[in-house]
Amino acid sequence: MGDVGEKTADEIQPTGEGAACRESGERTAPDRRVVRTRKAIRQAFLTLMQETEYQKITITGIAREADIDRKTFYLHYQSVEDLANEIVQDEADRIVRTCLDSLENSDLFKRLSLGLAPDLKSMKLIASHTPYELVLKKLESSLTASLIEQDTLGLKKLGPYLDFCVAYFSAGLVA
């Protein structure tokens, strides 16, 4: 049996950090023990990532660092890769939410479309004789640098994630 106070595998729905769902589809608050355990597992993994190469991180190491049993790890994740994928997905979702929140009241897309319209014929001509990837890369890098320099998106608060978030946003605009 599991640790005292822990749920069995049948009782836990490993659905990320979101709310657990009943069979009726109704959302309920997640069990605090599950949230606390998942947080400990994630923190243990991130701690080990600072000390160890990813390929050398084991479930046993994560469990030991999180002060849980290996079987408790398996109640929440299938593998180290499953845990890493969830962390990456959560971070990507957070960055996207931040970008979308910043754009909520922006007329950026309208202005961008209007800015491209007058020279569309020239741009098509240039693009038809220049490798597509080169045009996109130049546009993306120029847009990224400008957005960061002018803090057009109001994202300075992202600190070390600023370059990544703005480049992600610019790549999306350009694509």
C-alpha atoms as a PDB file:
ATOM      1  CA  MET A   1       0.000   0.000   0.000  1.00  0.00           C
ATOM      2  CA  GLY A   2       1.107   3.661  -0.471  1.00  0.00           C
ATOM      3  CA  ASP A   3       2.380   6.090   2.116  1.00  0.00           C
ATOM      4  CA  VAL A   4      -0.025   7.017   4.897  1.00  0.00           C
ATOM      5  CA  GLY A   5      -2.557   9.549   3.643  1.00  0.00           C
ATOM      6  CA  GLU A   6      -1.715   9.049  -0.034  1.00  0.00           C
ATOM      7  CA  LYS A   7      -4.252   8.037  -2.617  1.00  0.00           C
ATOM      8  CA  THR A   8      -4.023   4.916  -4.725  1.00  0.00           C
ATOM      9  CA  ALA A   9      -3.355   5.094  -8.462  1.00  0.00           C
ATOM     10  CA  ASP A  10      -7.089   4.616  -9.133  1.00  0.00           C
ATOM     11  CA  GLU A  11      -7.930   7.692  -7.068  1.00  0.00           C
ATOM     12  CA  ILE A  12      -5.492  10.094  -8.745  1.00  0.00           C
ATOM     13  CA  GLN A  13      -5.987  11.542 -12.188  1.00  0.00           C
ATOM     14  CA  PRO A  14      -2.577  12.694 -13.449  1.00  0.00           C
ATOM     15  CA  THR A  15      -3.863  15.673 -15.436  1.00  0.00           C
ATOM     16  CA  GLY A  16      -1.143  18.216 -14.764  1.00  0.00           C
ATOM     17  CA  GLU A  17      -1.685  20.928 -12.244  1.00  0.00           C
ATOM     18  CA  GLY A  18      -5.234  21.637 -13.355  1.00  0.00           C
ATOM     19  CA  ALA A  19      -8.288  20.743 -11.384  1.00  0.00           C
ATOM     20  CA  ALA A  20      -9.299  17.121 -11.130  1.00  0.00           C
ATOM     21  CA  CYS A  21     -12.448  16.242 -13.025  1.00  0.00           C
ATOM     22  CA  ARG A  22     -15.276  14.056 -11.859  1.00  0.00           C
ATOM     23  CA  GLU A  23     -16.846  11.606 -14.266  1.00  0.00           C
ATOM     24  CA  SER A  24     -19.677  14.102 -14.796  1.00  0.00           C
ATOM     25  CA  GLY A  25     -17.124  16.561 -16.159  1.00  0.00           C
ATOM     26  CA  GLU A  26     -17.632  18.967 -13.258  1.00  0.00           C
ATOM     27  CA  ARG A  27     -14.441  20.666 -12.064  1.00  0.00           C
ATOM     28  CA  THR A  28     -13.467  20.365  -8.427  1.00  0.00           C
ATOM     29  CA  ALA A  29     -10.595  21.722  -6.407  1.00  0.00           C
ATOM     30  CA  PRO A  30      -7.538  19.446  -6.592  1.00  0.00           C
ATOM     31  CA  ASP A  31      -6.640  17.461  -3.499  1.00  0.00           C
ATOM     32  CA  ARG A  32      -4.050  19.500  -1.585  1.00  0.00           C
ATOM     33  CA  ARG A  33      -1.970  16.381  -0.908  1.00  0.00           C
ATOM     34  CA  VAL A  34      -1.761  15.698  -4.635  1.00  0.00           C
ATOM     35  CA  VAL A  35      -0.801  19.304  -5.368  1.00  0.00           C
ATOM     36  CA  ARG A  36       1.828  19.267  -2.600  1.00  0.00           C
ATOM     37  CA  THR A  37       3.320  15.953  -3.795  1.00  0.00           C
ATOM     38  CA  ARG A  38       3.422  17.039  -7.439  1.00  0.00           C
ATOM     39  CA  LYS A  39       5.068  20.311  -6.407  1.00  0.00           C
ATOM     40  CA  ALA A  40       7.700  18.395  -4.400  1.00  0.00           C
ATOM     41  CA  ILE A  41       8.376  16.086  -7.366  1.00  0.00           C
ATOM     42  CA  ARG A  42       8.729  18.995  -9.767  1.00  0.00           C
ATOM     43  CA  GLN A  43      11.001  20.912  -7.382  1.00  0.00           C
ATOM     44  CA  ALA A  44      13.144  17.819  -6.831  1.00  0.00           C
ATOM     45  CA  PHE A  45      13.484  17.361 -10.600  1.00  0.00           C
ATOM     46  CA  LEU A  46      14.481  21.005 -11.107  1.00  0.00           C
ATOM     47  CA  THR A  47      17.003  20.758  -8.267  1.00  0.00           C
ATOM     48  CA  LEU A  48      18.514  17.639  -9.820  1.00  0.00           C
ATOM     49  CA  MET A  49      18.621  19.372 -13.223  1.00  0.00           C
ATOM     50  CA  GLN A  50      20.970  21.961 -11.696  1.00  0.00           C
ATOM     51  CA  GLU A  51      23.295  19.251 -10.408  1.00  0.00           C
ATOM     52  CA  THR A  52      22.981  16.408 -12.934  1.00  0.00           C
ATOM     53  CA  GLU A  53      22.724  15.860 -16.682  1.00  0.00           C
ATOM     54  CA  TYR A  54      19.151  15.181 -17.766  1.00  0.00           C
ATOM     55  CA  GLN A  55      19.977  11.681 -19.040  1.00  0.00           C
ATOM     56  CA  LYS A  56      21.366  10.708 -15.625  1.00  0.00           C
ATOM     57  CA  ILE A  57      18.304  11.768 -13.632  1.00  0.00           C
ATOM     58  CA  THR A  58      16.373   8.773 -12.376  1.00  0.00           C
ATOM     59  CA  ILE A  59      13.024   8.264 -10.765  1.00  0.00           C
ATOM     60  CA  THR A  60      14.836   6.958  -7.696  1.00  0.00           C
ATOM     61  CA  GLY A  61      16.869  10.170  -7.517  1.00  0.00           C
ATOM     62  CA  ILE A  62      13.775  12.346  -7.894  1.00  0.00           C
ATOM     63  CA  ALA A  63      11.905  10.322  -5.274  1.00  0.00           C
ATOM     64  CA  ARG A  64      14.817  10.553  -2.847  1.00  0.00           C
ATOM     65  CA  GLU A  65      15.142  14.338  -3.395  1.00  0.00           C
ATOM     66  CA  ALA A  66      11.359  14.834  -3.020  1.00  0.00           C
ATOM     67  CA  ASP A  67      11.292  12.570   0.060  1.00  0.00           C
ATOM     68  CA  ILE A  68       8.670  10.247  -1.428  1.00  0.00           C
ATOM     69  CA  ASP A  69       8.524   6.592  -2.473  1.00  0.00           C
ATOM     70  CA  ARG A  70       9.139   5.595  -6.090  1.00  0.00           C
ATOM     71  CA  LYS A  71       5.600   4.240  -6.244  1.00  0.00           C
ATOM     72  CA  THR A  72       4.313   7.676  -5.262  1.00  0.00           C
ATOM     73  CA  PHE A  73       6.178   9.127  -8.223  1.00  0.00           C
ATOM     74  CA  TYR A  74       4.425   6.602 -10.486  1.00  0.00           C
ATOM     75  CA  LEU A  75       1.036   7.676  -9.134  1.00  0.00           C
ATOM     76  CA  HIS A  76       1.679  11.069 -10.726  1.00  0.00           C
ATOM     77  CA  TYR A  77       4.002  10.464 -13.691  1.00  0.00           C
ATOM     78  CA  GLN A  78       4.878   7.565 -15.963  1.00  0.00           C
ATOM     79  CA  SER A  79       8.533   8.528 -16.442  1.00  0.00           C
ATOM     80  CA  VAL A  80      11.123  11.264 -16.046  1.00  0.00           C
ATOM     81  CA  GLU A  81      10.320  12.282 -19.630  1.00  0.00           C
ATOM     82  CA  ASP A  82       6.617  12.552 -18.741  1.00  0.00           C
ATOM     83  CA  LEU A  83       7.521  14.884 -15.854  1.00  0.00           C
ATOM     84  CA  ALA A  84       9.862  16.966 -18.033  1.00  0.00           C
ATOM     85  CA  ASN A  85       7.222  17.240 -20.762  1.00  0.00           C
ATOM     86  CA  GLU A  86       4.625  18.461 -18.275  1.00  0.00           C
ATOM     87  CA  ILE A  87       7.004  21.111 -16.912  1.00  0.00           C
ATOM     88  CA  VAL A  88       7.862  22.318 -20.424  1.00  0.00           C
ATOM     89  CA  GLN A  89       4.168  22.387 -21.401  1.00  0.00           C
ATOM     90  CA  ASP A  90       3.227  24.318 -18.247  1.00  0.00           C
ATOM     91  CA  GLU A  91       5.992  26.850 -18.923  1.00  0.00           C
ATOM     92  CA  ALA A  92       4.949  27.226 -22.558  1.00  0.00           C
ATOM     93  CA  ASP A  93       1.328  27.731 -21.479  1.00  0.00           C
ATOM     94  CA  ARG A  94       2.428  30.373 -18.955  1.00  0.00           C
ATOM     95  CA  ILE A  95       4.431  32.258 -21.589  1.00  0.00           C
ATOM     96  CA  VAL A  96       1.555  32.151 -24.054  1.00  0.00           C
ATOM     97  CA  ARG A  97      -0.867  33.439 -21.383  1.00  0.00           C
ATOM     98  CA  THR A  98       1.530  36.274 -20.591  1.00  0.00           C
ATOM     99  CA  CYS A  99       1.809  37.225 -24.263  1.00  0.00           C
ATOM    100  CA  LEU A 100      -1.945  37.033 -24.792  1.00  0.00           C
ATOM    101  CA  ASP A 101      -2.637  39.073 -21.662  1.00  0.00           C
ATOM    102  CA  SER A 102      -0.270  41.742 -22.945  1.00  0.00           C
ATOM    103  CA  LEU A 103      -2.018  41.870 -26.313  1.00  0.00           C
ATOM    104  CA  GLU A 104      -5.574  41.829 -25.006  1.00  0.00           C
ATOM    105  CA  ASN A 105      -6.204  45.522 -25.608  1.00  0.00           C
ATOM    106  CA  SER A 106      -3.609  46.053 -28.293  1.00  0.00           C
ATOM    107  CA  ASP A 107      -4.304  47.089 -31.851  1.00  0.00           C
ATOM    108  CA  LEU A 108      -0.954  45.617 -32.935  1.00  0.00           C
ATOM    109  CA  PHE A 109      -2.395  43.185 -35.509  1.00  0.00           C
ATOM    110  CA  LYS A 110      -4.511  45.865 -37.140  1.00  0.00           C
ATOM    111  CA  ARG A 111      -1.556  48.244 -37.333  1.00  0.00           C
ATOM    112  CA  LEU A 112       0.725  45.493 -38.647  1.00  0.00           C
ATOM    113  CA  SER A 113      -1.738  44.603 -41.413  1.00  0.00           C
ATOM    114  CA  LEU A 114      -2.160  48.265 -42.378  1.00  0.00           C
ATOM    115  CA  GLY A 115       1.609  48.717 -42.338  1.00  0.00           C
ATOM    116  CA  LEU A 116       2.168  45.835 -44.738  1.00  0.00           C
ATOM    117  CA  ALA A 117      -0.675  46.684 -47.128  1.00  0.00           C
ATOM    118  CA  PRO A 118       0.822  49.720 -48.983  1.00  0.00           C
ATOM    119  CA  ASP A 119       3.959  47.843 -50.080  1.00  0.00           C
ATOM    120  CA  LEU A 120       2.439  44.388 -50.468  1.00  0.00           C
ATOM    121  CA  LYS A 121       3.246  44.247 -54.206  1.00  0.00           C
ATOM    122  CA  SER A 122       6.893  45.186 -53.585  1.00  0.00           C
ATOM    123  CA  MET A 123       7.151  42.744 -50.699  1.00  0.00           C
ATOM    124  CA  LYS A 124       5.767  39.929 -52.880  1.00  0.00           C
ATOM    125  CA  LEU A 125       8.292  40.730 -55.608  1.00  0.00           C
ATOM    126  CA  ILE A 126      11.211  40.753 -53.170  1.00  0.00           C
ATOM    127  CA  ALA A 127       9.975  37.607 -51.439  1.00  0.00           C
ATOM    128  CA  SER A 128       9.630  35.759 -54.738  1.00  0.00           C
ATOM    129  CA  HIS A 129      13.360  36.240 -55.499  1.00  0.00           C
ATOM    130  CA  THR A 130      14.717  35.766 -51.994  1.00  0.00           C
ATOM    131  CA  PRO A 131      14.739  32.540 -49.989  1.00  0.00           C
ATOM    132  CA  TYR A 132      11.570  32.538 -47.909  1.00  0.00           C
ATOM    133  CA  GLU A 133      13.441  31.507 -44.744  1.00  0.00           C
ATOM    134  CA  LEU A 134      15.802  34.469 -45.071  1.00  0.00           C
ATOM    135  CA  VAL A 135      12.949  36.970 -45.384  1.00  0.00           C
ATOM    136  CA  LEU A 136      11.173  35.479 -42.358  1.00  0.00           C
ATOM    137  CA  LYS A 137      14.365  35.343 -40.284  1.00  0.00           C
ATOM    138  CA  LYS A 138      15.215  38.985 -41.017  1.00  0.00           C
ATOM    139  CA  LEU A 139      11.685  40.129 -40.301  1.00  0.00           C
ATOM    140  CA  GLU A 140      11.541  38.088 -37.105  1.00  0.00           C
ATOM    141  CA  SER A 141      14.908  39.275 -35.759  1.00  0.00           C
ATOM    142  CA  SER A 142      14.172  42.905 -36.600  1.00  0.00           C
ATOM    143  CA  LEU A 143      10.727  42.721 -35.014  1.00  0.00           C
ATOM    144  CA  THR A 144      12.068  40.956 -31.929  1.00  0.00           C
ATOM    145  CA  ALA A 145      14.829  43.528 -31.391  1.00  0.00           C
ATOM    146  CA  SER A 146      12.412  46.413 -31.847  1.00  0.00           C
ATOM    147  CA  LEU A 147       9.778  44.968 -29.508  1.00  0.00           C
ATOM    148  CA  ILE A 148      12.389  44.362 -26.797  1.00  0.00           C
ATOM    149  CA  GLU A 149      14.038  47.762 -27.205  1.00  0.00           C
ATOM    150  CA  GLN A 150      10.761  49.697 -27.079  1.00  0.00           C
ATOM    151  CA  ASP A 151       9.050  47.282 -24.654  1.00  0.00           C
ATOM    152  CA  THR A 152       6.029  47.476 -26.936  1.00  0.00           C
ATOM    153  CA  LEU A 153       4.445  44.421 -25.326  1.00  0.00           C
ATOM    154  CA  GLY A 154       5.125  45.582 -21.762  1.00  0.00           C
ATOM    155  CA  LEU A 155       6.947  42.360 -20.941  1.00  0.00           C
ATOM    156  CA  LYS A 156      10.081  43.692 -19.204  1.00  0.00           C
ATOM    157  CA  LYS A 157       8.790  42.058 -16.011  1.00  0.00           C
ATOM    158  CA  LEU A 158       9.588  38.643 -17.514  1.00  0.00           C
ATOM    159  CA  GLY A 159      13.270  39.205 -16.788  1.00  0.00           C
ATOM    160  CA  PRO A 160      15.311  36.279 -18.142  1.00  0.00           C
ATOM    161  CA  TYR A 161      12.321  35.029 -20.173  1.00  0.00           C
ATOM    162  CA  LEU A 162      11.901  38.324 -22.041  1.00  0.00           C
ATOM    163  CA  ASP A 163      14.001  37.406 -25.104  1.00  0.00           C
ATOM    164  CA  PHE A 164      12.381  33.996 -25.408  1.00  0.00           C
ATOM    165  CA  CYS A 165       8.827  35.311 -25.050  1.00  0.00           C
ATOM    166  CA  VAL A 166       9.282  38.156 -27.525  1.00  0.00           C
ATOM    167  CA  ALA A 167      11.049  35.875 -30.044  1.00  0.00           C
ATOM    168  CA  TYR A 168       8.199  33.360 -29.656  1.00  0.00           C
ATOM    169  CA  PHE A 169       5.655  36.125 -30.233  1.00  0.00           C
ATOM    170  CA  SER A 170       7.569  37.520 -33.217  1.00  0.00           C
ATOM    171  CA  ALA A 171       7.924  34.079 -34.800  1.00  0.00           C
ATOM    172  CA  GLY A 172       4.176  33.616 -34.443  1.00  0.00           C
ATOM    173  CA  LEU A 173       3.453  36.959 -36.076  1.00  0.00           C
ATOM    174  CA  VAL A 174       5.846  36.332 -38.913  1.00  0.00           C
ATOM    175  CA  ALA A 175       4.650  32.787 -39.558  1.00  0.00           C
END
